[in-house]
Amino acid sequence: MEEPEKRLLEYRWIGIGLLYILGLQVMGDALLTARGAASSLMEQLVSLLAFFIGGVMVGKHSPGKTIKEPAIAAVLAVAILLILKQGFTSATFIRGSALPFIFALAGGYAGEKWQGTI
């Protein structure tokens, strides 16, 4: 009996991760605005936390090992957010993608660890 083909990426979980991250970003921005704490540093910290938590959620709830999917979703989220803020250039995208990629990757690893697949 032949084994089913393994996919390199689970595109569904990239999409779900993108929704998690964007949703967490919106909630974080709304919370900071409501509390009057919308400083640049606080926005950056909340943003990185959203990337990490989004990665954890994908890693925890997805079947199999999906560590790289939230990291890819983070890069896509950065692109979308930069486009929405009308600040997209190749330089801002490259500079702005590194930390979110790392935080989402770490979150995906933590979620997989929590799930027990690693």
N, C-alpha and C. Protein backbone atom coordinates (compact mmCIF):
# COMPACT_ATOMS: atom_id res chain seq x y z
N MET A 1 0.84 -1.18 0.00
CA MET A 1 0.00 0.00 0.00
C MET A 1 0.88 1.25 0.00
N GLU A 2 0.55 2.19 -0.83
CA GLU A 2 1.35 3.38 -1.00
C GLU A 2 1.00 4.44 0.05
N GLU A 3 2.04 5.10 0.59
CA GLU A 3 1.82 6.15 1.57
C GLU A 3 1.29 7.40 0.89
N PRO A 4 0.40 8.16 1.57
CA PRO A 4 -0.05 9.41 0.97
C PRO A 4 1.11 10.41 0.88
N GLU A 5 1.05 11.23 -0.15
CA GLU A 5 2.11 12.22 -0.37
C GLU A 5 2.11 13.27 0.74
N LYS A 6 3.29 13.53 1.28
CA LYS A 6 3.40 14.56 2.32
C LYS A 6 3.60 15.91 1.66
N ARG A 7 2.89 16.90 2.15
CA ARG A 7 3.03 18.25 1.65
C ARG A 7 4.17 18.94 2.36
N LEU A 8 4.84 19.81 1.64
CA LEU A 8 5.90 20.60 2.25
C LEU A 8 5.30 21.68 3.15
N LEU A 9 4.16 22.23 2.73
CA LEU A 9 3.48 23.28 3.49
C LEU A 9 2.00 22.96 3.58
N GLU A 10 1.40 23.33 4.68
CA GLU A 10 -0.04 23.23 4.85
C GLU A 10 -0.62 24.62 4.61
N TYR A 11 -1.07 24.86 3.37
CA TYR A 11 -1.53 26.19 2.99
C TYR A 11 -2.74 26.65 3.80
N ARG A 12 -3.56 25.71 4.17
CA ARG A 12 -4.73 26.04 4.99
C ARG A 12 -4.29 26.68 6.30
N TRP A 13 -3.24 26.15 6.90
CA TRP A 13 -2.78 26.68 8.19
C TRP A 13 -2.01 27.98 8.03
N ILE A 14 -1.48 28.24 6.86
CA ILE A 14 -0.91 29.57 6.60
C ILE A 14 -2.04 30.59 6.62
N GLY A 15 -3.15 30.27 5.95
CA GLY A 15 -4.30 31.16 5.94
C GLY A 15 -4.90 31.35 7.32
N ILE A 16 -5.04 30.28 8.07
CA ILE A 16 -5.57 30.38 9.43
C ILE A 16 -4.63 31.20 10.30
N GLY A 17 -3.33 30.97 10.15
CA GLY A 17 -2.35 31.76 10.90
C GLY A 17 -2.42 33.23 10.55
N LEU A 18 -2.62 33.53 9.28
CA LEU A 18 -2.77 34.92 8.84
C LEU A 18 -3.98 35.56 9.51
N LEU A 19 -5.08 34.83 9.57
CA LEU A 19 -6.29 35.36 10.23
C LEU A 19 -6.06 35.56 11.73
N TYR A 20 -5.40 34.60 12.38
CA TYR A 20 -5.08 34.75 13.81
C TYR A 20 -4.23 36.01 14.03
N ILE A 21 -3.17 36.14 13.26
CA ILE A 21 -2.23 37.25 13.46
C ILE A 21 -2.89 38.60 13.19
N LEU A 22 -3.61 38.69 12.07
CA LEU A 22 -4.27 39.96 11.77
C LEU A 22 -5.33 40.30 12.81
N GLY A 23 -6.07 39.30 13.25
CA GLY A 23 -7.07 39.52 14.30
C GLY A 23 -6.45 39.98 15.60
N LEU A 24 -5.35 39.36 15.98
CA LEU A 24 -4.65 39.76 17.20
C LEU A 24 -4.06 41.16 17.06
N GLN A 25 -3.59 41.51 15.87
CA GLN A 25 -3.06 42.85 15.63
C GLN A 25 -4.16 43.90 15.82
N VAL A 26 -5.32 43.64 15.23
CA VAL A 26 -6.44 44.58 15.34
C VAL A 26 -6.88 44.72 16.79
N MET A 27 -6.99 43.59 17.49
CA MET A 27 -7.40 43.64 18.90
C MET A 27 -6.37 44.38 19.74
N GLY A 28 -5.09 44.14 19.49
CA GLY A 28 -4.04 44.82 20.23
C GLY A 28 -4.05 46.32 19.99
N ASP A 29 -4.22 46.71 18.74
CA ASP A 29 -4.30 48.15 18.41
C ASP A 29 -5.50 48.79 19.08
N ALA A 30 -6.65 48.10 19.05
CA ALA A 30 -7.86 48.64 19.67
C ALA A 30 -7.68 48.78 21.18
N LEU A 31 -7.04 47.80 21.79
CA LEU A 31 -6.81 47.84 23.24
C LEU A 31 -5.89 48.99 23.61
N LEU A 32 -4.82 49.16 22.86
CA LEU A 32 -3.89 50.26 23.13
C LEU A 32 -4.55 51.62 22.94
N THR A 33 -5.34 51.73 21.90
CA THR A 33 -6.04 52.99 21.64
C THR A 33 -7.05 53.29 22.74
N ALA A 34 -7.80 52.28 23.15
CA ALA A 34 -8.82 52.46 24.19
C ALA A 34 -8.20 52.86 25.53
N ARG A 35 -7.02 52.33 25.80
CA ARG A 35 -6.36 52.64 27.07
C ARG A 35 -5.51 53.90 26.98
N GLY A 36 -5.39 54.45 25.79
CA GLY A 36 -4.57 55.65 25.61
C GLY A 36 -3.09 55.38 25.74
N ALA A 37 -2.69 54.14 25.47
CA ALA A 37 -1.29 53.74 25.64
C ALA A 37 -0.62 53.47 24.31
N ALA A 38 -1.04 54.14 23.25
CA ALA A 38 -0.56 53.85 21.91
C ALA A 38 0.78 54.51 21.60
N SER A 39 1.79 54.20 22.38
CA SER A 39 3.14 54.68 22.07
C SER A 39 3.79 53.73 21.06
N SER A 40 4.81 54.19 20.42
CA SER A 40 5.48 53.39 19.39
C SER A 40 6.04 52.09 19.99
N LEU A 41 6.64 52.18 21.14
CA LEU A 41 7.22 50.99 21.77
C LEU A 41 6.13 50.00 22.16
N MET A 42 5.05 50.48 22.74
CA MET A 42 3.96 49.58 23.13
C MET A 42 3.33 48.92 21.90
N GLU A 43 3.17 49.68 20.83
CA GLU A 43 2.61 49.10 19.59
C GLU A 43 3.51 48.00 19.06
N GLN A 44 4.82 48.21 19.11
CA GLN A 44 5.76 47.19 18.62
C GLN A 44 5.73 45.95 19.50
N LEU A 45 5.67 46.13 20.81
CA LEU A 45 5.63 44.98 21.72
C LEU A 45 4.35 44.17 21.56
N VAL A 46 3.23 44.87 21.45
CA VAL A 46 1.95 44.19 21.25
C VAL A 46 1.95 43.46 19.91
N SER A 47 2.53 44.09 18.90
CA SER A 47 2.60 43.48 17.59
C SER A 47 3.42 42.18 17.62
N LEU A 48 4.59 42.22 18.26
CA LEU A 48 5.42 41.01 18.35
C LEU A 48 4.71 39.93 19.16
N LEU A 49 3.99 40.33 20.18
CA LEU A 49 3.22 39.37 20.97
C LEU A 49 2.14 38.72 20.11
N ALA A 50 1.51 39.51 19.24
CA ALA A 50 0.48 38.97 18.34
C ALA A 50 1.08 37.93 17.39
N PHE A 51 2.28 38.19 16.89
CA PHE A 51 2.93 37.22 16.00
C PHE A 51 3.25 35.93 16.76
N PHE A 52 3.73 36.06 17.99
CA PHE A 52 4.07 34.87 18.78
C PHE A 52 2.81 34.07 19.12
N ILE A 53 1.78 34.75 19.62
CA ILE A 53 0.55 34.05 20.00
C ILE A 53 -0.12 33.42 18.78
N GLY A 54 -0.11 34.11 17.65
CA GLY A 54 -0.64 33.53 16.42
C GLY A 54 0.10 32.25 16.05
N GLY A 55 1.42 32.26 16.21
CA GLY A 55 2.22 31.06 15.96
C GLY A 55 1.89 29.94 16.92
N VAL A 56 1.70 30.27 18.19
CA VAL A 56 1.34 29.26 19.19
C VAL A 56 -0.01 28.62 18.83
N MET A 57 -0.98 29.46 18.44
CA MET A 57 -2.31 28.95 18.12
C MET A 57 -2.27 27.99 16.94
N VAL A 58 -1.51 28.32 15.91
CA VAL A 58 -1.40 27.42 14.76
C VAL A 58 -0.68 26.14 15.17
N GLY A 59 0.43 26.27 15.87
CA GLY A 59 1.18 25.09 16.30
C GLY A 59 0.37 24.18 17.21
N LYS A 60 -0.42 24.75 18.08
CA LYS A 60 -1.21 23.97 19.05
C LYS A 60 -2.39 23.27 18.39
N HIS A 61 -3.07 23.93 17.47
CA HIS A 61 -4.33 23.41 16.95
C HIS A 61 -4.23 22.66 15.62
N SER A 62 -3.12 22.77 14.94
CA SER A 62 -3.00 22.10 13.64
C SER A 62 -2.53 20.67 13.81
N PRO A 63 -3.04 19.76 12.98
CA PRO A 63 -2.54 18.39 13.03
C PRO A 63 -1.16 18.34 12.38
N GLY A 64 -0.33 17.48 12.89
CA GLY A 64 1.02 17.35 12.33
C GLY A 64 1.91 18.49 12.76
N LYS A 65 3.07 18.56 12.14
CA LYS A 65 4.04 19.61 12.48
C LYS A 65 3.87 20.78 11.53
N THR A 66 3.45 21.90 12.09
CA THR A 66 3.28 23.12 11.30
C THR A 66 4.00 24.25 12.00
N ILE A 67 5.30 24.24 11.90
CA ILE A 67 6.11 25.28 12.53
C ILE A 67 6.35 26.43 11.57
N LYS A 68 6.60 26.10 10.32
CA LYS A 68 6.93 27.17 9.36
C LYS A 68 5.71 27.91 8.84
N GLU A 69 4.53 27.32 8.94
CA GLU A 69 3.32 27.96 8.44
C GLU A 69 3.01 29.29 9.12
N PRO A 70 3.09 29.38 10.47
CA PRO A 70 2.84 30.68 11.08
C PRO A 70 3.90 31.72 10.73
N ALA A 71 5.12 31.28 10.49
CA ALA A 71 6.18 32.22 10.10
C ALA A 71 5.88 32.81 8.72
N ILE A 72 5.41 31.98 7.81
CA ILE A 72 5.03 32.47 6.48
C ILE A 72 3.83 33.40 6.61
N ALA A 73 2.87 33.02 7.46
CA ALA A 73 1.70 33.87 7.69
C ALA A 73 2.12 35.23 8.25
N ALA A 74 3.13 35.25 9.10
CA ALA A 74 3.62 36.50 9.67
C ALA A 74 4.17 37.43 8.59
N VAL A 75 4.91 36.88 7.66
CA VAL A 75 5.47 37.68 6.57
C VAL A 75 4.34 38.24 5.70
N LEU A 76 3.33 37.41 5.43
CA LEU A 76 2.18 37.89 4.65
C LEU A 76 1.43 38.98 5.42
N ALA A 77 1.30 38.80 6.73
CA ALA A 77 0.61 39.81 7.55
C ALA A 77 1.37 41.13 7.52
N VAL A 78 2.68 41.08 7.58
CA VAL A 78 3.48 42.31 7.50
C VAL A 78 3.21 43.01 6.18
N ALA A 79 3.20 42.26 5.09
CA ALA A 79 2.93 42.85 3.77
C ALA A 79 1.55 43.51 3.75
N ILE A 80 0.54 42.82 4.26
CA ILE A 80 -0.82 43.37 4.27
C ILE A 80 -0.89 44.62 5.12
N LEU A 81 -0.29 44.57 6.31
CA LEU A 81 -0.33 45.74 7.19
C LEU A 81 0.40 46.94 6.59
N LEU A 82 1.52 46.69 5.95
CA LEU A 82 2.25 47.79 5.30
C LEU A 82 1.45 48.38 4.14
N ILE A 83 0.78 47.53 3.38
CA ILE A 83 -0.04 48.02 2.28
C ILE A 83 -1.20 48.85 2.83
N LEU A 84 -1.85 48.37 3.89
CA LEU A 84 -2.97 49.11 4.47
C LEU A 84 -2.55 50.46 5.05
N LYS A 85 -1.34 50.51 5.58
CA LYS A 85 -0.83 51.76 6.15
C LYS A 85 -0.13 52.61 5.10
N GLN A 86 -0.16 52.15 3.87
CA GLN A 86 0.46 52.83 2.73
C GLN A 86 1.94 53.11 2.96
N GLY A 87 2.61 52.16 3.59
CA GLY A 87 4.03 52.32 3.83
C GLY A 87 4.86 51.20 3.23
N PHE A 88 4.29 50.51 2.22
CA PHE A 88 4.98 49.37 1.65
C PHE A 88 6.05 49.80 0.66
N THR A 89 7.28 49.47 0.99
CA THR A 89 8.40 49.52 0.05
C THR A 89 9.18 48.25 0.28
N SER A 90 10.03 47.90 -0.64
CA SER A 90 10.80 46.67 -0.45
C SER A 90 11.68 46.77 0.80
N ALA A 91 12.21 47.96 1.07
CA ALA A 91 13.07 48.14 2.25
C ALA A 91 12.27 47.98 3.54
N THR A 92 11.09 48.61 3.62
CA THR A 92 10.29 48.48 4.85
C THR A 92 9.79 47.05 5.03
N PHE A 93 9.49 46.40 3.92
CA PHE A 93 9.03 45.01 4.01
C PHE A 93 10.12 44.09 4.52
N ILE A 94 11.32 44.23 3.98
CA ILE A 94 12.43 43.37 4.41
C ILE A 94 12.80 43.65 5.86
N ARG A 95 12.91 44.94 6.21
CA ARG A 95 13.23 45.31 7.60
C ARG A 95 12.13 44.88 8.55
N GLY A 96 10.88 45.03 8.11
CA GLY A 96 9.75 44.77 8.99
C GLY A 96 9.35 43.32 9.11
N SER A 97 9.91 42.44 8.31
CA SER A 97 9.51 41.03 8.32
C SER A 97 10.37 40.13 9.20
N ALA A 98 11.58 40.54 9.49
CA ALA A 98 12.52 39.64 10.19
C ALA A 98 12.03 39.23 11.58
N LEU A 99 11.76 40.21 12.44
CA LEU A 99 11.32 39.87 13.80
C LEU A 99 9.97 39.16 13.84
N PRO A 100 8.96 39.60 13.07
CA PRO A 100 7.71 38.86 13.06
C PRO A 100 7.90 37.40 12.61
N PHE A 101 8.76 37.19 11.61
CA PHE A 101 9.04 35.82 11.16
C PHE A 101 9.60 34.99 12.31
N ILE A 102 10.57 35.54 13.02
CA ILE A 102 11.21 34.81 14.12
C ILE A 102 10.23 34.57 15.26
N PHE A 103 9.43 35.58 15.62
CA PHE A 103 8.48 35.42 16.72
C PHE A 103 7.39 34.40 16.37
N ALA A 104 6.89 34.43 15.15
CA ALA A 104 5.87 33.47 14.74
C ALA A 104 6.46 32.05 14.65
N LEU A 105 7.69 31.94 14.19
CA LEU A 105 8.36 30.65 14.13
C LEU A 105 8.54 30.08 15.54
N ALA A 106 8.97 30.94 16.47
CA ALA A 106 9.11 30.51 17.87
C ALA A 106 7.76 30.13 18.46
N GLY A 107 6.71 30.88 18.11
CA GLY A 107 5.37 30.56 18.57
C GLY A 107 4.89 29.23 18.02
N GLY A 108 5.15 28.98 16.73
CA GLY A 108 4.79 27.70 16.13
C GLY A 108 5.50 26.54 16.81
N TYR A 109 6.77 26.74 17.14
CA TYR A 109 7.53 25.70 17.85
C TYR A 109 6.94 25.46 19.23
N ALA A 110 6.63 26.56 19.93
CA ALA A 110 6.05 26.43 21.28
C ALA A 110 4.69 25.73 21.22
N GLY A 111 3.89 26.04 20.21
CA GLY A 111 2.59 25.39 20.06
C GLY A 111 2.72 23.91 19.77
N GLU A 112 3.67 23.55 18.93
CA GLU A 112 3.91 22.14 18.63
C GLU A 112 4.42 21.40 19.88
N LYS A 113 5.26 22.08 20.63
CA LYS A 113 5.76 21.49 21.88
C LYS A 113 4.60 21.26 22.85
N TRP A 114 3.71 22.23 22.94
CA TRP A 114 2.54 22.16 23.80
C TRP A 114 1.62 21.02 23.35
N GLN A 115 1.46 20.86 22.04
CA GLN A 115 0.64 19.81 21.49
C GLN A 115 1.27 18.43 21.69
N GLY A 116 2.58 18.41 21.82
CA GLY A 116 3.28 17.14 22.03
C GLY A 116 3.77 16.48 20.76
N THR A 117 3.78 17.19 19.64
CA THR A 117 4.26 16.60 18.39
C THR A 117 5.76 16.74 18.22
N ILE A 118 6.38 17.52 19.08
CA ILE A 118 7.85 17.67 19.04
C ILE A 118 8.42 17.13 20.32
